[in-house]
PDB file of N, CA and C in Angstrom:
ATOM      1  N   MET A   1       5.993 -28.500 -20.721  1.00  0.00           N
ATOM      2  CA  MET A   1       6.489 -28.513 -19.368  1.00  0.00           C
ATOM      3  C   MET A   1       5.685 -27.510 -18.558  1.00  0.00           C
ATOM      4  N   SER A   2       5.174 -27.928 -17.459  1.00  0.00           N
ATOM      5  CA  SER A   2       4.410 -26.996 -16.621  1.00  0.00           C
ATOM      6  C   SER A   2       5.317 -26.488 -15.505  1.00  0.00           C
ATOM      7  N   TYR A   3       4.941 -25.366 -15.001  1.00  0.00           N
ATOM      8  CA  TYR A   3       5.688 -24.783 -13.909  1.00  0.00           C
ATOM      9  C   TYR A   3       4.708 -24.265 -12.906  1.00  0.00           C
ATOM     10  N   ILE A   4       5.207 -23.976 -11.731  1.00  0.00           N
ATOM     11  CA  ILE A   4       4.415 -23.422 -10.649  1.00  0.00           C
ATOM     12  C   ILE A   4       4.761 -21.937 -10.513  1.00  0.00           C
ATOM     13  N   ALA A   5       3.808 -21.090 -10.735  1.00  0.00           N
ATOM     14  CA  ALA A   5       4.037 -19.669 -10.492  1.00  0.00           C
ATOM     15  C   ALA A   5       4.065 -19.425  -9.002  1.00  0.00           C
ATOM     16  N   ARG A   6       4.987 -18.591  -8.560  1.00  0.00           N
ATOM     17  CA  ARG A   6       5.134 -18.302  -7.141  1.00  0.00           C
ATOM     18  C   ARG A   6       4.788 -16.845  -6.893  1.00  0.00           C
ATOM     19  N   CYS A   7       4.311 -16.572  -5.673  1.00  0.00           N
ATOM     20  CA  CYS A   7       3.966 -15.211  -5.302  1.00  0.00           C
ATOM     21  C   CYS A   7       5.236 -14.366  -5.175  1.00  0.00           C
ATOM     22  N   HIS A   8       5.148 -13.151  -5.675  1.00  0.00           N
ATOM     23  CA  HIS A   8       6.234 -12.189  -5.531  1.00  0.00           C
ATOM     24  C   HIS A   8       6.482 -11.930  -4.050  1.00  0.00           C
ATOM     25  N   PRO A   9       7.729 -11.871  -3.591  1.00  0.00           N
ATOM     26  CA  PRO A   9       7.994 -11.684  -2.191  1.00  0.00           C
ATOM     27  C   PRO A   9       7.519 -10.354  -1.586  1.00  0.00           C
ATOM     28  N   LEU A  10       7.392  -9.318  -2.405  1.00  0.00           N
ATOM     29  CA  LEU A  10       6.894  -8.038  -1.917  1.00  0.00           C
ATOM     30  C   LEU A  10       5.442  -7.784  -2.348  1.00  0.00           C
ATOM     31  N   CYS A  11       5.160  -8.107  -3.545  1.00  0.00           N
ATOM     32  CA  CYS A  11       3.783  -7.912  -4.099  1.00  0.00           C
ATOM     33  C   CYS A  11       3.154  -9.294  -4.167  1.00  0.00           C
ATOM     34  N   GLY A  12       2.575  -9.768  -3.073  1.00  0.00           N
ATOM     35  CA  GLY A  12       2.073 -11.107  -2.978  1.00  0.00           C
ATOM     36  C   GLY A  12       0.964 -11.434  -3.960  1.00  0.00           C
ATOM     37  N   TRP A  13       0.333 -10.463  -4.523  1.00  0.00           N
ATOM     38  CA  TRP A  13      -0.739 -10.669  -5.503  1.00  0.00           C
ATOM     39  C   TRP A  13      -0.155 -11.035  -6.895  1.00  0.00           C
ATOM     40  N   LEU A  14       1.124 -10.803  -7.116  1.00  0.00           N
ATOM     41  CA  LEU A  14       1.724 -11.023  -8.409  1.00  0.00           C
ATOM     42  C   LEU A  14       2.353 -12.410  -8.459  1.00  0.00           C
ATOM     43  N   ARG A  15       1.913 -13.224  -9.406  1.00  0.00           N
ATOM     44  CA  ARG A  15       2.430 -14.550  -9.580  1.00  0.00           C
ATOM     45  C   ARG A  15       3.549 -14.548 -10.594  1.00  0.00           C
ATOM     46  N   LEU A  16       4.760 -14.944 -10.149  1.00  0.00           N
ATOM     47  CA  LEU A  16       5.933 -14.874 -10.988  1.00  0.00           C
ATOM     48  C   LEU A  16       6.258 -16.219 -11.618  1.00  0.00           C
ATOM     49  N   GLN A  17       6.703 -16.148 -12.839  1.00  0.00           N
ATOM     50  CA  GLN A  17       7.216 -17.325 -13.525  1.00  0.00           C
ATOM     51  C   GLN A  17       8.579 -17.651 -12.879  1.00  0.00           C
ATOM     52  N   PRO A  18       9.002 -18.915 -12.949  1.00  0.00           N
ATOM     53  CA  PRO A  18      10.213 -19.333 -12.239  1.00  0.00           C
ATOM     54  C   PRO A  18      11.454 -18.495 -12.486  1.00  0.00           C
ATOM     55  N   GLN A  19      11.773 -18.126 -13.700  1.00  0.00           N
ATOM     56  CA  GLN A  19      12.963 -17.315 -13.933  1.00  0.00           C
ATOM     57  C   GLN A  19      12.838 -15.926 -13.322  1.00  0.00           C
ATOM     58  N   ASP A  20      11.655 -15.355 -13.300  1.00  0.00           N
ATOM     59  CA  ASP A  20      11.455 -14.044 -12.718  1.00  0.00           C
ATOM     60  C   ASP A  20      11.450 -14.150 -11.203  1.00  0.00           C
ATOM     61  N   TYR A  21      10.956 -15.217 -10.678  1.00  0.00           N
ATOM     62  CA  TYR A  21      10.997 -15.412  -9.224  1.00  0.00           C
ATOM     63  C   TYR A  21      12.432 -15.549  -8.774  1.00  0.00           C
ATOM     64  N   ALA A  22      13.227 -16.292  -9.494  1.00  0.00           N
ATOM     65  CA  ALA A  22      14.658 -16.494  -9.133  1.00  0.00           C
ATOM     66  C   ALA A  22      15.384 -15.138  -9.173  1.00  0.00           C
ATOM     67  N   ARG A  23      15.100 -14.321 -10.187  1.00  0.00           N
ATOM     68  CA  ARG A  23      15.771 -13.009 -10.290  1.00  0.00           C
ATOM     69  C   ARG A  23      15.388 -12.103  -9.144  1.00  0.00           C
ATOM     70  N   THR A  24      14.113 -12.039  -8.802  1.00  0.00           N
ATOM     71  CA  THR A  24      13.677 -11.146  -7.720  1.00  0.00           C
ATOM     72  C   THR A  24      14.187 -11.634  -6.360  1.00  0.00           C
ATOM     73  N   MET A  25      14.259 -12.952  -6.169  1.00  0.00           N
ATOM     74  CA  MET A  25      14.806 -13.491  -4.937  1.00  0.00           C
ATOM     75  C   MET A  25      16.294 -13.179  -4.814  1.00  0.00           C
ATOM     76  N   GLN A  26      16.990 -13.295  -5.960  1.00  0.00           N
ATOM     77  CA  GLN A  26      18.444 -12.978  -5.920  1.00  0.00           C
ATOM     78  C   GLN A  26      18.620 -11.514  -5.556  1.00  0.00           C
ATOM     79  N   GLU A  27      17.827 -10.616  -6.121  1.00  0.00           N
ATOM     80  CA  GLU A  27      17.937  -9.200  -5.793  1.00  0.00           C
ATOM     81  C   GLU A  27      17.546  -8.946  -4.319  1.00  0.00           C
ATOM     82  N   LEU A  28      16.490  -9.617  -3.890  1.00  0.00           N
ATOM     83  CA  LEU A  28      16.055  -9.471  -2.479  1.00  0.00           C
ATOM     84  C   LEU A  28      17.195  -9.854  -1.539  1.00  0.00           C
ATOM     85  N   LEU A  29      17.819 -10.995  -1.764  1.00  0.00           N
ATOM     86  CA  LEU A  29      18.903 -11.462  -0.875  1.00  0.00           C
ATOM     87  C   LEU A  29      20.126 -10.580  -0.954  1.00  0.00           C
ATOM     88  N   LYS A  30      20.482 -10.115  -2.149  1.00  0.00           N
ATOM     89  CA  LYS A  30      21.628  -9.250  -2.314  1.00  0.00           C
ATOM     90  C   LYS A  30      21.392  -7.945  -1.546  1.00  0.00           C
ATOM     91  N   GLN A  31      20.223  -7.335  -1.791  1.00  0.00           N
ATOM     92  CA  GLN A  31      19.889  -6.101  -1.084  1.00  0.00           C
ATOM     93  C   GLN A  31      19.859  -6.282   0.445  1.00  0.00           C
ATOM     94  N   ARG A  32      19.301  -7.396   0.864  1.00  0.00           N
ATOM     95  CA  ARG A  32      19.256  -7.716   2.296  1.00  0.00           C
ATOM     96  C   ARG A  32      20.633  -7.809   2.893  1.00  0.00           C
ATOM     97  N   ASP A  33      21.497  -8.590   2.233  1.00  0.00           N
ATOM     98  CA  ASP A  33      22.876  -8.765   2.767  1.00  0.00           C
ATOM     99  C   ASP A  33      23.621  -7.448   2.788  1.00  0.00           C
ATOM    100  N   ASP A  34      23.470  -6.646   1.747  1.00  0.00           N
ATOM    101  CA  ASP A  34      24.142  -5.339   1.726  1.00  0.00           C
ATOM    102  C   ASP A  34      23.637  -4.427   2.831  1.00  0.00           C
ATOM    103  N   TYR A  35      22.348  -4.412   3.026  1.00  0.00           N
ATOM    104  CA  TYR A  35      21.747  -3.513   4.024  1.00  0.00           C
ATOM    105  C   TYR A  35      22.076  -3.940   5.453  1.00  0.00           C
ATOM    106  N   LEU A  36      22.224  -5.273   5.655  1.00  0.00           N
ATOM    107  CA  LEU A  36      22.537  -5.755   6.994  1.00  0.00           C
ATOM    108  C   LEU A  36      23.957  -5.345   7.413  1.00  0.00           C
ATOM    109  N   LEU A  37      24.805  -5.047   6.458  1.00  0.00           N
ATOM    110  CA  LEU A  37      26.124  -4.538   6.776  1.00  0.00           C
ATOM    111  C   LEU A  37      26.048  -3.130   7.366  1.00  0.00           C
ATOM    112  N   ILE A  38      25.023  -2.399   6.925  1.00  0.00           N
ATOM    113  CA  ILE A  38      24.825  -1.031   7.368  1.00  0.00           C
ATOM    114  C   ILE A  38      23.980  -0.979   8.651  1.00  0.00           C
ATOM    115  N   LYS A  39      22.950  -1.801   8.647  1.00  0.00           N
ATOM    116  CA  LYS A  39      22.013  -1.813   9.758  1.00  0.00           C
ATOM    117  C   LYS A  39      21.733  -3.281  10.150  1.00  0.00           C
ATOM    118  N   PRO A  40      22.582  -3.832  11.032  1.00  0.00           N
ATOM    119  CA  PRO A  40      22.522  -5.264  11.359  1.00  0.00           C
ATOM    120  C   PRO A  40      21.228  -5.721  12.023  1.00  0.00           C
ATOM    121  N   ASP A  41      20.500  -4.844  12.672  1.00  0.00           N
ATOM    122  CA  ASP A  41      19.264  -5.235  13.367  1.00  0.00           C
ATOM    123  C   ASP A  41      18.052  -5.107  12.487  1.00  0.00           C
ATOM    124  N   HIS A  42      18.175  -4.776  11.246  1.00  0.00           N
ATOM    125  CA  HIS A  42      17.040  -4.604  10.344  1.00  0.00           C
ATOM    126  C   HIS A  42      16.374  -5.963  10.050  1.00  0.00           C
ATOM    127  N   SER A  43      15.043  -5.920   9.952  1.00  0.00           N
ATOM    128  CA  SER A  43      14.342  -7.122   9.501  1.00  0.00           C
ATOM    129  C   SER A  43      13.396  -6.707   8.356  1.00  0.00           C
ATOM    130  N   GLY A  44      13.049  -7.658   7.529  1.00  0.00           N
ATOM    131  CA  GLY A  44      12.198  -7.363   6.396  1.00  0.00           C
ATOM    132  C   GLY A  44      13.034  -6.994   5.192  1.00  0.00           C
ATOM    133  N   PRO A  45      12.330  -6.697   4.068  1.00  0.00           N
ATOM    134  CA  PRO A  45      13.076  -6.351   2.872  1.00  0.00           C
ATOM    135  C   PRO A  45      13.839  -5.027   3.056  1.00  0.00           C
ATOM    136  N   ALA A  46      14.976  -4.971   2.447  1.00  0.00           N
ATOM    137  CA  ALA A  46      15.792  -3.738   2.483  1.00  0.00           C
ATOM    138  C   ALA A  46      15.067  -2.626   1.698  1.00  0.00           C
ATOM    139  N   PRO A  47      15.198  -1.376   2.122  1.00  0.00           N
ATOM    140  CA  PRO A  47      14.574  -0.294   1.413  1.00  0.00           C
ATOM    141  C   PRO A  47      15.003  -0.251  -0.054  1.00  0.00           C
ATOM    142  N   GLY A  48      16.268  -0.577  -0.361  1.00  0.00           N
ATOM    143  CA  GLY A  48      16.721  -0.596  -1.735  1.00  0.00           C
ATOM    144  C   GLY A  48      16.023  -1.615  -2.570  1.00  0.00           C
ATOM    145  N   TYR A  49      15.654  -2.748  -1.984  1.00  0.00           N
ATOM    146  CA  TYR A  49      14.908  -3.770  -2.745  1.00  0.00           C
ATOM    147  C   TYR A  49      13.514  -3.257  -3.048  1.00  0.00           C
ATOM    148  N   MET A  50      12.883  -2.653  -2.089  1.00  0.00           N
ATOM    149  CA  MET A  50      11.517  -2.141  -2.321  1.00  0.00           C
ATOM    150  C   MET A  50      11.536  -1.084  -3.432  1.00  0.00           C
ATOM    151  N   GLN A  51      12.525  -0.204  -3.372  1.00  0.00           N
ATOM    152  CA  GLN A  51      12.654   0.805  -4.407  1.00  0.00           C
ATOM    153  C   GLN A  51      12.904   0.156  -5.780  1.00  0.00           C
ATOM    154  N   TRP A  52      13.731  -0.865  -5.829  1.00  0.00           N
ATOM    155  CA  TRP A  52      14.033  -1.558  -7.074  1.00  0.00           C
ATOM    156  C   TRP A  52      12.784  -2.213  -7.637  1.00  0.00           C
ATOM    157  N   VAL A  53      11.965  -2.806  -6.759  1.00  0.00           N
ATOM    158  CA  VAL A  53      10.715  -3.425  -7.202  1.00  0.00           C
ATOM    159  C   VAL A  53       9.862  -2.404  -7.918  1.00  0.00           C
ATOM    160  N   TRP A  54       9.585  -1.263  -7.240  1.00  0.00           N
ATOM    161  CA  TRP A  54       8.686  -0.279  -7.802  1.00  0.00           C
ATOM    162  C   TRP A  54       9.254   0.478  -9.009  1.00  0.00           C
ATOM    163  N   ASP A  55      10.555   0.789  -8.983  1.00  0.00           N
ATOM    164  CA  ASP A  55      11.132   1.597 -10.040  1.00  0.00           C
ATOM    165  C   ASP A  55      11.654   0.810 -11.220  1.00  0.00           C
ATOM    166  N   VAL A  56      12.109  -0.422 -10.992  1.00  0.00           N
ATOM    167  CA  VAL A  56      12.749  -1.193 -12.063  1.00  0.00           C
ATOM    168  C   VAL A  56      11.964  -2.437 -12.438  1.00  0.00           C
ATOM    169  N   GLU A  57      11.727  -3.306 -11.440  1.00  0.00           N
ATOM    170  CA  GLU A  57      11.143  -4.614 -11.739  1.00  0.00           C
ATOM    171  C   GLU A  57       9.697  -4.534 -12.296  1.00  0.00           C
ATOM    172  N   LEU A  58       8.826  -3.833 -11.557  1.00  0.00           N
ATOM    173  CA  LEU A  58       7.438  -3.803 -12.010  1.00  0.00           C
ATOM    174  C   LEU A  58       7.284  -3.139 -13.394  1.00  0.00           C
ATOM    175  N   PRO A  59       7.951  -2.029 -13.665  1.00  0.00           N
ATOM    176  CA  PRO A  59       7.823  -1.491 -15.008  1.00  0.00           C
ATOM    177  C   PRO A  59       8.299  -2.464 -16.098  1.00  0.00           C
ATOM    178  N   GLN A  60       9.368  -3.191 -15.833  1.00  0.00           N
ATOM    179  CA  GLN A  60       9.850  -4.177 -16.799  1.00  0.00           C
ATOM    180  C   GLN A  60       8.866  -5.311 -16.967  1.00  0.00           C
ATOM    181  N   LEU A  61       8.333  -5.810 -15.841  1.00  0.00           N
ATOM    182  CA  LEU A  61       7.389  -6.900 -15.946  1.00  0.00           C
ATOM    183  C   LEU A  61       6.074  -6.471 -16.628  1.00  0.00           C
ATOM    184  N   ALA A  62       5.696  -5.224 -16.422  1.00  0.00           N
ATOM    185  CA  ALA A  62       4.451  -4.737 -17.011  1.00  0.00           C
ATOM    186  C   ALA A  62       4.484  -4.691 -18.538  1.00  0.00           C
ATOM    187  N   LEU A  63       5.657  -4.767 -19.105  1.00  0.00           N
ATOM    188  CA  LEU A  63       5.757  -4.820 -20.571  1.00  0.00           C
ATOM    189  C   LEU A  63       5.334  -6.194 -21.128  1.00  0.00           C
ATOM    190  N   ARG A  64       5.226  -7.170 -20.268  1.00  0.00           N
ATOM    191  CA  ARG A  64       4.849  -8.536 -20.716  1.00  0.00           C
ATOM    192  C   ARG A  64       3.393  -8.797 -20.407  1.00  0.00           C
ATOM    193  N   PRO A  65       2.650  -9.306 -21.374  1.00  0.00           N
ATOM    194  CA  PRO A  65       1.166  -9.476 -21.177  1.00  0.00           C
ATOM    195  C   PRO A  65       0.802 -10.303 -19.958  1.00  0.00           C
ATOM    196  N   TYR A  66       1.573 -11.323 -19.640  1.00  0.00           N
ATOM    197  CA  TYR A  66       1.287 -12.187 -18.480  1.00  0.00           C
ATOM    198  C   TYR A  66       1.196 -11.345 -17.202  1.00  0.00           C
ATOM    199  N   TYR A  67       2.162 -10.418 -17.083  1.00  0.00           N
ATOM    200  CA  TYR A  67       2.193  -9.605 -15.870  1.00  0.00           C
ATOM    201  C   TYR A  67       1.287  -8.382 -16.003  1.00  0.00           C
ATOM    202  N   ALA A  68       1.188  -7.809 -17.179  1.00  0.00           N
ATOM    203  CA  ALA A  68       0.345  -6.616 -17.354  1.00  0.00           C
ATOM    204  C   ALA A  68      -1.084  -6.935 -16.953  1.00  0.00           C
ATOM    205  N   ALA A  69      -1.557  -8.130 -17.271  1.00  0.00           N
ATOM    206  CA  ALA A  69      -2.937  -8.537 -16.922  1.00  0.00           C
ATOM    207  C   ALA A  69      -3.076  -8.604 -15.395  1.00  0.00           C
ATOM    208  N   GLN A  70      -2.073  -9.141 -14.694  1.00  0.00           N
ATOM    209  CA  GLN A  70      -2.141  -9.227 -13.258  1.00  0.00           C
ATOM    210  C   GLN A  70      -2.096  -7.835 -12.587  1.00  0.00           C
ATOM    211  N   ILE A  71      -1.269  -6.984 -13.164  1.00  0.00           N
ATOM    212  CA  ILE A  71      -1.157  -5.627 -12.595  1.00  0.00           C
ATOM    213  C   ILE A  71      -2.452  -4.882 -12.793  1.00  0.00           C
ATOM    214  N   GLU A  72      -3.039  -5.003 -13.976  1.00  0.00           N
ATOM    215  CA  GLU A  72      -4.320  -4.347 -14.255  1.00  0.00           C
ATOM    216  C   GLU A  72      -5.390  -4.899 -13.307  1.00  0.00           C
ATOM    217  N   SER A  73      -5.401  -6.174 -13.097  1.00  0.00           N
ATOM    218  CA  SER A  73      -6.369  -6.778 -12.167  1.00  0.00           C
ATOM    219  C   SER A  73      -6.177  -6.225 -10.749  1.00  0.00           C
ATOM    220  N   GLN A  74      -4.944  -6.066 -10.339  1.00  0.00           N
ATOM    221  CA  GLN A  74      -4.652  -5.495  -8.990  1.00  0.00           C
ATOM    222  C   GLN A  74      -5.110  -4.039  -8.922  1.00  0.00           C
ATOM    223  N   VAL A  75      -4.905  -3.283 -10.000  1.00  0.00           N
ATOM    224  CA  VAL A  75      -5.354  -1.908 -10.064  1.00  0.00           C
ATOM    225  C   VAL A  75      -6.876  -1.860  -9.866  1.00  0.00           C
ATOM    226  N   GLN A  76      -7.593  -2.734 -10.541  1.00  0.00           N
ATOM    227  CA  GLN A  76      -9.025  -2.749 -10.409  1.00  0.00           C
ATOM    228  C   GLN A  76      -9.502  -3.118  -9.006  1.00  0.00           C
ATOM    229  N   GLU A  77      -8.824  -4.085  -8.398  1.00  0.00           N
ATOM    230  CA  GLU A  77      -9.131  -4.457  -6.982  1.00  0.00           C
ATOM    231  C   GLU A  77      -8.881  -3.292  -6.047  1.00  0.00           C
ATOM    232  N   LEU A  78      -7.800  -2.580  -6.245  1.00  0.00           N
ATOM    233  CA  LEU A  78      -7.471  -1.422  -5.399  1.00  0.00           C
ATOM    234  C   LEU A  78      -8.515  -0.306  -5.581  1.00  0.00           C
ATOM    235  N   LEU A  79      -8.954  -0.098  -6.832  1.00  0.00           N
ATOM    236  CA  LEU A  79      -9.987   0.922  -7.084  1.00  0.00           C
ATOM    237  C   LEU A  79     -11.295   0.566  -6.413  1.00  0.00           C
ATOM    238  N   VAL A  80     -11.681  -0.712  -6.435  1.00  0.00           N
ATOM    239  CA  VAL A  80     -12.903  -1.166  -5.785  1.00  0.00           C
ATOM    240  C   VAL A  80     -12.762  -0.940  -4.282  1.00  0.00           C
ATOM    241  N   GLU A  81     -11.620  -1.364  -3.709  1.00  0.00           N
ATOM    242  CA  GLU A  81     -11.396  -1.197  -2.280  1.00  0.00           C
ATOM    243  C   GLU A  81     -11.386   0.298  -1.897  1.00  0.00           C
ATOM    244  N   SER A  82     -10.789   1.126  -2.730  1.00  0.00           N
ATOM    245  CA  SER A  82     -10.782   2.567  -2.476  1.00  0.00           C
ATOM    246  C   SER A  82     -12.157   3.132  -2.448  1.00  0.00           C
ATOM    247  N   ALA A  83     -12.988   2.708  -3.371  1.00  0.00           N
ATOM    248  CA  ALA A  83     -14.383   3.186  -3.423  1.00  0.00           C
ATOM    249  C   ALA A  83     -15.135   2.728  -2.176  1.00  0.00           C
ATOM    250  N   THR A  84     -14.873   1.527  -1.719  1.00  0.00           N
ATOM    251  CA  THR A  84     -15.532   1.030  -0.494  1.00  0.00           C
ATOM    252  C   THR A  84     -15.130   1.844   0.711  1.00  0.00           C
ATOM    253  N   VAL A  85     -13.820   2.090   0.826  1.00  0.00           N
ATOM    254  CA  VAL A  85     -13.337   2.903   1.960  1.00  0.00           C
ATOM    255  C   VAL A  85     -13.914   4.333   1.898  1.00  0.00           C
ATOM    256  N   GLU A  86     -13.930   4.880   0.708  1.00  0.00           N
ATOM    257  CA  GLU A  86     -14.501   6.240   0.541  1.00  0.00           C
ATOM    258  C   GLU A  86     -15.970   6.252   0.939  1.00  0.00           C
ATOM    259  N   SER A  87     -16.720   5.226   0.604  1.00  0.00           N
ATOM    260  CA  SER A  87     -18.127   5.172   0.983  1.00  0.00           C
ATOM    261  C   SER A  87     -18.305   5.022   2.457  1.00  0.00           C
ATOM    262  N   GLN A  88     -17.324   4.429   3.132  1.00  0.00           N
ATOM    263  CA  GLN A  88     -17.370   4.309   4.578  1.00  0.00           C
ATOM    264  C   GLN A  88     -16.969   5.606   5.283  1.00  0.00           C
ATOM    265  N   ILE A  89     -16.058   6.338   4.652  1.00  0.00           N
ATOM    266  CA  ILE A  89     -15.593   7.630   5.241  1.00  0.00           C
ATOM    267  C   ILE A  89     -16.692   8.640   5.209  1.00  0.00           C
ATOM    268  N   ALA A  90     -17.413   8.768   4.107  1.00  0.00           N
ATOM    269  CA  ALA A  90     -18.348   9.836   3.951  1.00  0.00           C
ATOM    270  C   ALA A  90     -19.364   9.953   5.089  1.00  0.00           C
ATOM    271  N   PRO A  91     -20.073   8.826   5.417  1.00  0.00           N
ATOM    272  CA  PRO A  91     -21.065   8.984   6.516  1.00  0.00           C
ATOM    273  C   PRO A  91     -20.395   9.242   7.860  1.00  0.00           C
ATOM    274  N   GLU A  92     -19.238   8.655   8.055  1.00  0.00           N
ATOM    275  CA  GLU A  92     -18.530   8.853   9.320  1.00  0.00           C
ATOM    276  C   GLU A  92     -18.062  10.323   9.443  1.00  0.00           C
ATOM    277  N   ALA A  93     -17.573  10.870   8.347  1.00  0.00           N
ATOM    278  CA  ALA A  93     -17.145  12.254   8.346  1.00  0.00           C
ATOM    279  C   ALA A  93     -18.306  13.171   8.594  1.00  0.00           C
ATOM    280  N   ALA A  94     -19.461  12.863   7.979  1.00  0.00           N
ATOM    281  CA  ALA A  94     -20.664  13.672   8.194  1.00  0.00           C
ATOM    282  C   ALA A  94     -21.097  13.612   9.638  1.00  0.00           C
ATOM    283  N   ALA A  95     -21.073  12.442  10.237  1.00  0.00           N
ATOM    284  CA  ALA A  95     -21.476  12.294  11.637  1.00  0.00           C
ATOM    285  C   ALA A  95     -20.523  13.067  12.545  1.00  0.00           C
ATOM    286  N   LEU A  96     -19.232  12.971  12.273  1.00  0.00           N
ATOM    287  CA  LEU A  96     -18.254  13.700  13.067  1.00  0.00           C
ATOM    288  C   LEU A  96     -18.417  15.223  12.903  1.00  0.00           C
ATOM    289  N   GLN A  97     -18.749  15.693  11.713  1.00  0.00           N
ATOM    290  CA  GLN A  97     -18.944  17.108  11.478  1.00  0.00           C
ATOM    291  C   GLN A  97     -20.187  17.591  12.272  1.00  0.00           C
ATOM    292  N   ARG A  98     -21.257  16.745  12.261  1.00  0.00           N
ATOM    293  CA  ARG A  98     -22.455  17.092  13.042  1.00  0.00           C
ATOM    294  C   ARG A  98     -22.104  17.217  14.538  1.00  0.00           C
ATOM    295  N   ARG A  99     -21.319  16.285  15.028  1.00  0.00           N
ATOM    296  CA  ARG A  99     -20.917  16.313  16.425  1.00  0.00           C
ATOM    297  C   ARG A  99     -20.069  17.526  16.742  1.00  0.00           C
ATOM    298  N   LEU A 100     -19.190  17.887  15.844  1.00  0.00           N
ATOM    299  CA  LEU A 100     -18.374  19.085  15.992  1.00  0.00           C
ATOM    300  C   LEU A 100     -19.225  20.328  16.048  1.00  0.00           C
ATOM    301  N   ASP A 101     -20.204  20.394  15.151  1.00  0.00           N
ATOM    302  CA  ASP A 101     -21.146  21.546  15.169  1.00  0.00           C
ATOM    303  C   ASP A 101     -21.911  21.614  16.444  1.00  0.00           C
ATOM    304  N   GLU A 102     -22.363  20.489  16.979  1.00  0.00           N
ATOM    305  CA  GLU A 102     -23.081  20.446  18.262  1.00  0.00           C
ATOM    306  C   GLU A 102     -22.201  20.977  19.385  1.00  0.00           C
ATOM    307  N   LEU A 103     -20.968  20.516  19.411  1.00  0.00           N
ATOM    308  CA  LEU A 103     -20.044  20.963  20.445  1.00  0.00           C
ATOM    309  C   LEU A 103     -19.785  22.477  20.367  1.00  0.00           C
ATOM    310  N   ALA A 104     -19.592  22.978  19.151  1.00  0.00           N
ATOM    311  CA  ALA A 104     -19.378  24.404  18.979  1.00  0.00           C
ATOM    312  C   ALA A 104     -20.573  25.199  19.419  1.00  0.00           C
ATOM    313  N   LEU A 105     -21.797  24.708  19.144  1.00  0.00           N
ATOM    314  CA  LEU A 105     -22.986  25.373  19.593  1.00  0.00           C
ATOM    315  C   LEU A 105     -23.085  25.392  21.107  1.00  0.00           C
ATOM    316  N   GLN A 106     -22.726  24.271  21.733  1.00  0.00           N
ATOM    317  CA  GLN A 106     -22.766  24.230  23.216  1.00  0.00           C
ATOM    318  C   GLN A 106     -21.774  25.207  23.800  1.00  0.00           C
ATOM    319  N   VAL A 107     -20.579  25.282  23.217  1.00  0.00           N
ATOM    320  CA  VAL A 107     -19.552  26.237  23.685  1.00  0.00           C
ATOM    321  C   VAL A 107     -20.104  27.649  23.557  1.00  0.00           C
ATOM    322  N   ASP A 108     -20.698  27.969  22.391  1.00  0.00           N
ATOM    323  CA  ASP A 108     -21.253  29.308  22.178  1.00  0.00           C
ATOM    324  C   ASP A 108     -22.316  29.646  23.214  1.00  0.00           C
ATOM    325  N   VAL A 109     -23.219  28.695  23.495  1.00  0.00           N
ATOM    326  CA  VAL A 109     -24.308  28.921  24.451  1.00  0.00           C
ATOM    327  C   VAL A 109     -23.711  29.135  25.841  1.00  0.00           C
ATOM    328  N   LEU A 110     -22.797  28.293  26.232  1.00  0.00           N
ATOM    329  CA  LEU A 110     -22.188  28.414  27.586  1.00  0.00           C
ATOM    330  C   LEU A 110     -21.367  29.725  27.716  1.00  0.00           C
ATOM    331  N   GLU A 111     -20.588  30.055  26.676  1.00  0.00           N
ATOM    332  CA  GLU A 111     -19.836  31.302  26.766  1.00  0.00           C
ATOM    333  C   GLU A 111     -20.745  32.471  26.839  1.00  0.00           C
ATOM    334  N   ALA A 112     -21.870  32.437  26.119  1.00  0.00           N
ATOM    335  CA  ALA A 112     -22.838  33.546  26.184  1.00  0.00           C
ATOM    336  C   ALA A 112     -23.419  33.659  27.601  1.00  0.00           C
ATOM    337  N   ALA A 113     -23.642  32.533  28.218  1.00  0.00           N
ATOM    338  CA  ALA A 113     -24.231  32.528  29.543  1.00  0.00           C
ATOM    339  C   ALA A 113     -23.292  33.169  30.550  1.00  0.00           C
ATOM    340  N   ILE A 114     -21.958  33.032  30.344  1.00  0.00           N
ATOM    341  CA  ILE A 114     -21.028  33.632  31.303  1.00  0.00           C
ATOM    342  C   ILE A 114     -20.467  34.962  30.848  1.00  0.00           C
ATOM    343  N   GLY A 115     -21.022  35.472  29.758  1.00  0.00           N
ATOM    344  CA  GLY A 115     -20.672  36.811  29.290  1.00  0.00           C
ATOM    345  C   GLY A 115     -19.488  36.916  28.359  1.00  0.00           C
ATOM    346  N   HIS A 116     -18.997  35.791  27.831  1.00  0.00           N
ATOM    347  CA  HIS A 116     -17.906  35.850  26.811  1.00  0.00           C
ATOM    348  C   HIS A 116     -18.505  36.081  25.433  1.00  0.00           C
ATOM    349  N   ASP A 117     -17.858  36.929  24.694  1.00  0.00           N
ATOM    350  CA  ASP A 117     -18.355  37.184  23.339  1.00  0.00           C
ATOM    351  C   ASP A 117     -17.650  36.349  22.310  1.00  0.00           C
TER     352      ASP A 117
END
């Protein structure tokens, strides 16, 4: 029997098997309904659901090879993206530091011209 894996409602990169999808949706709806009693104008997942995903659901799912492989793949993607962002930051930071040094030099020259020490 084949099944269709569905994207996790919070972690869209994680493909859930039907029984796991049903469980997380049940928790999502329960948390949403409970939170709407406290904060009726809230939209999106309830904070309690997000906490449950990170603290309870993901660690439990990570014990199973099907999910552990997906989590590891996501970790690798995030590391690659982090390296890309870091490589973009370095030249920009250097350029900004050069500009800051130029501005400080101009301030020093102008203050010297008007007799400020």
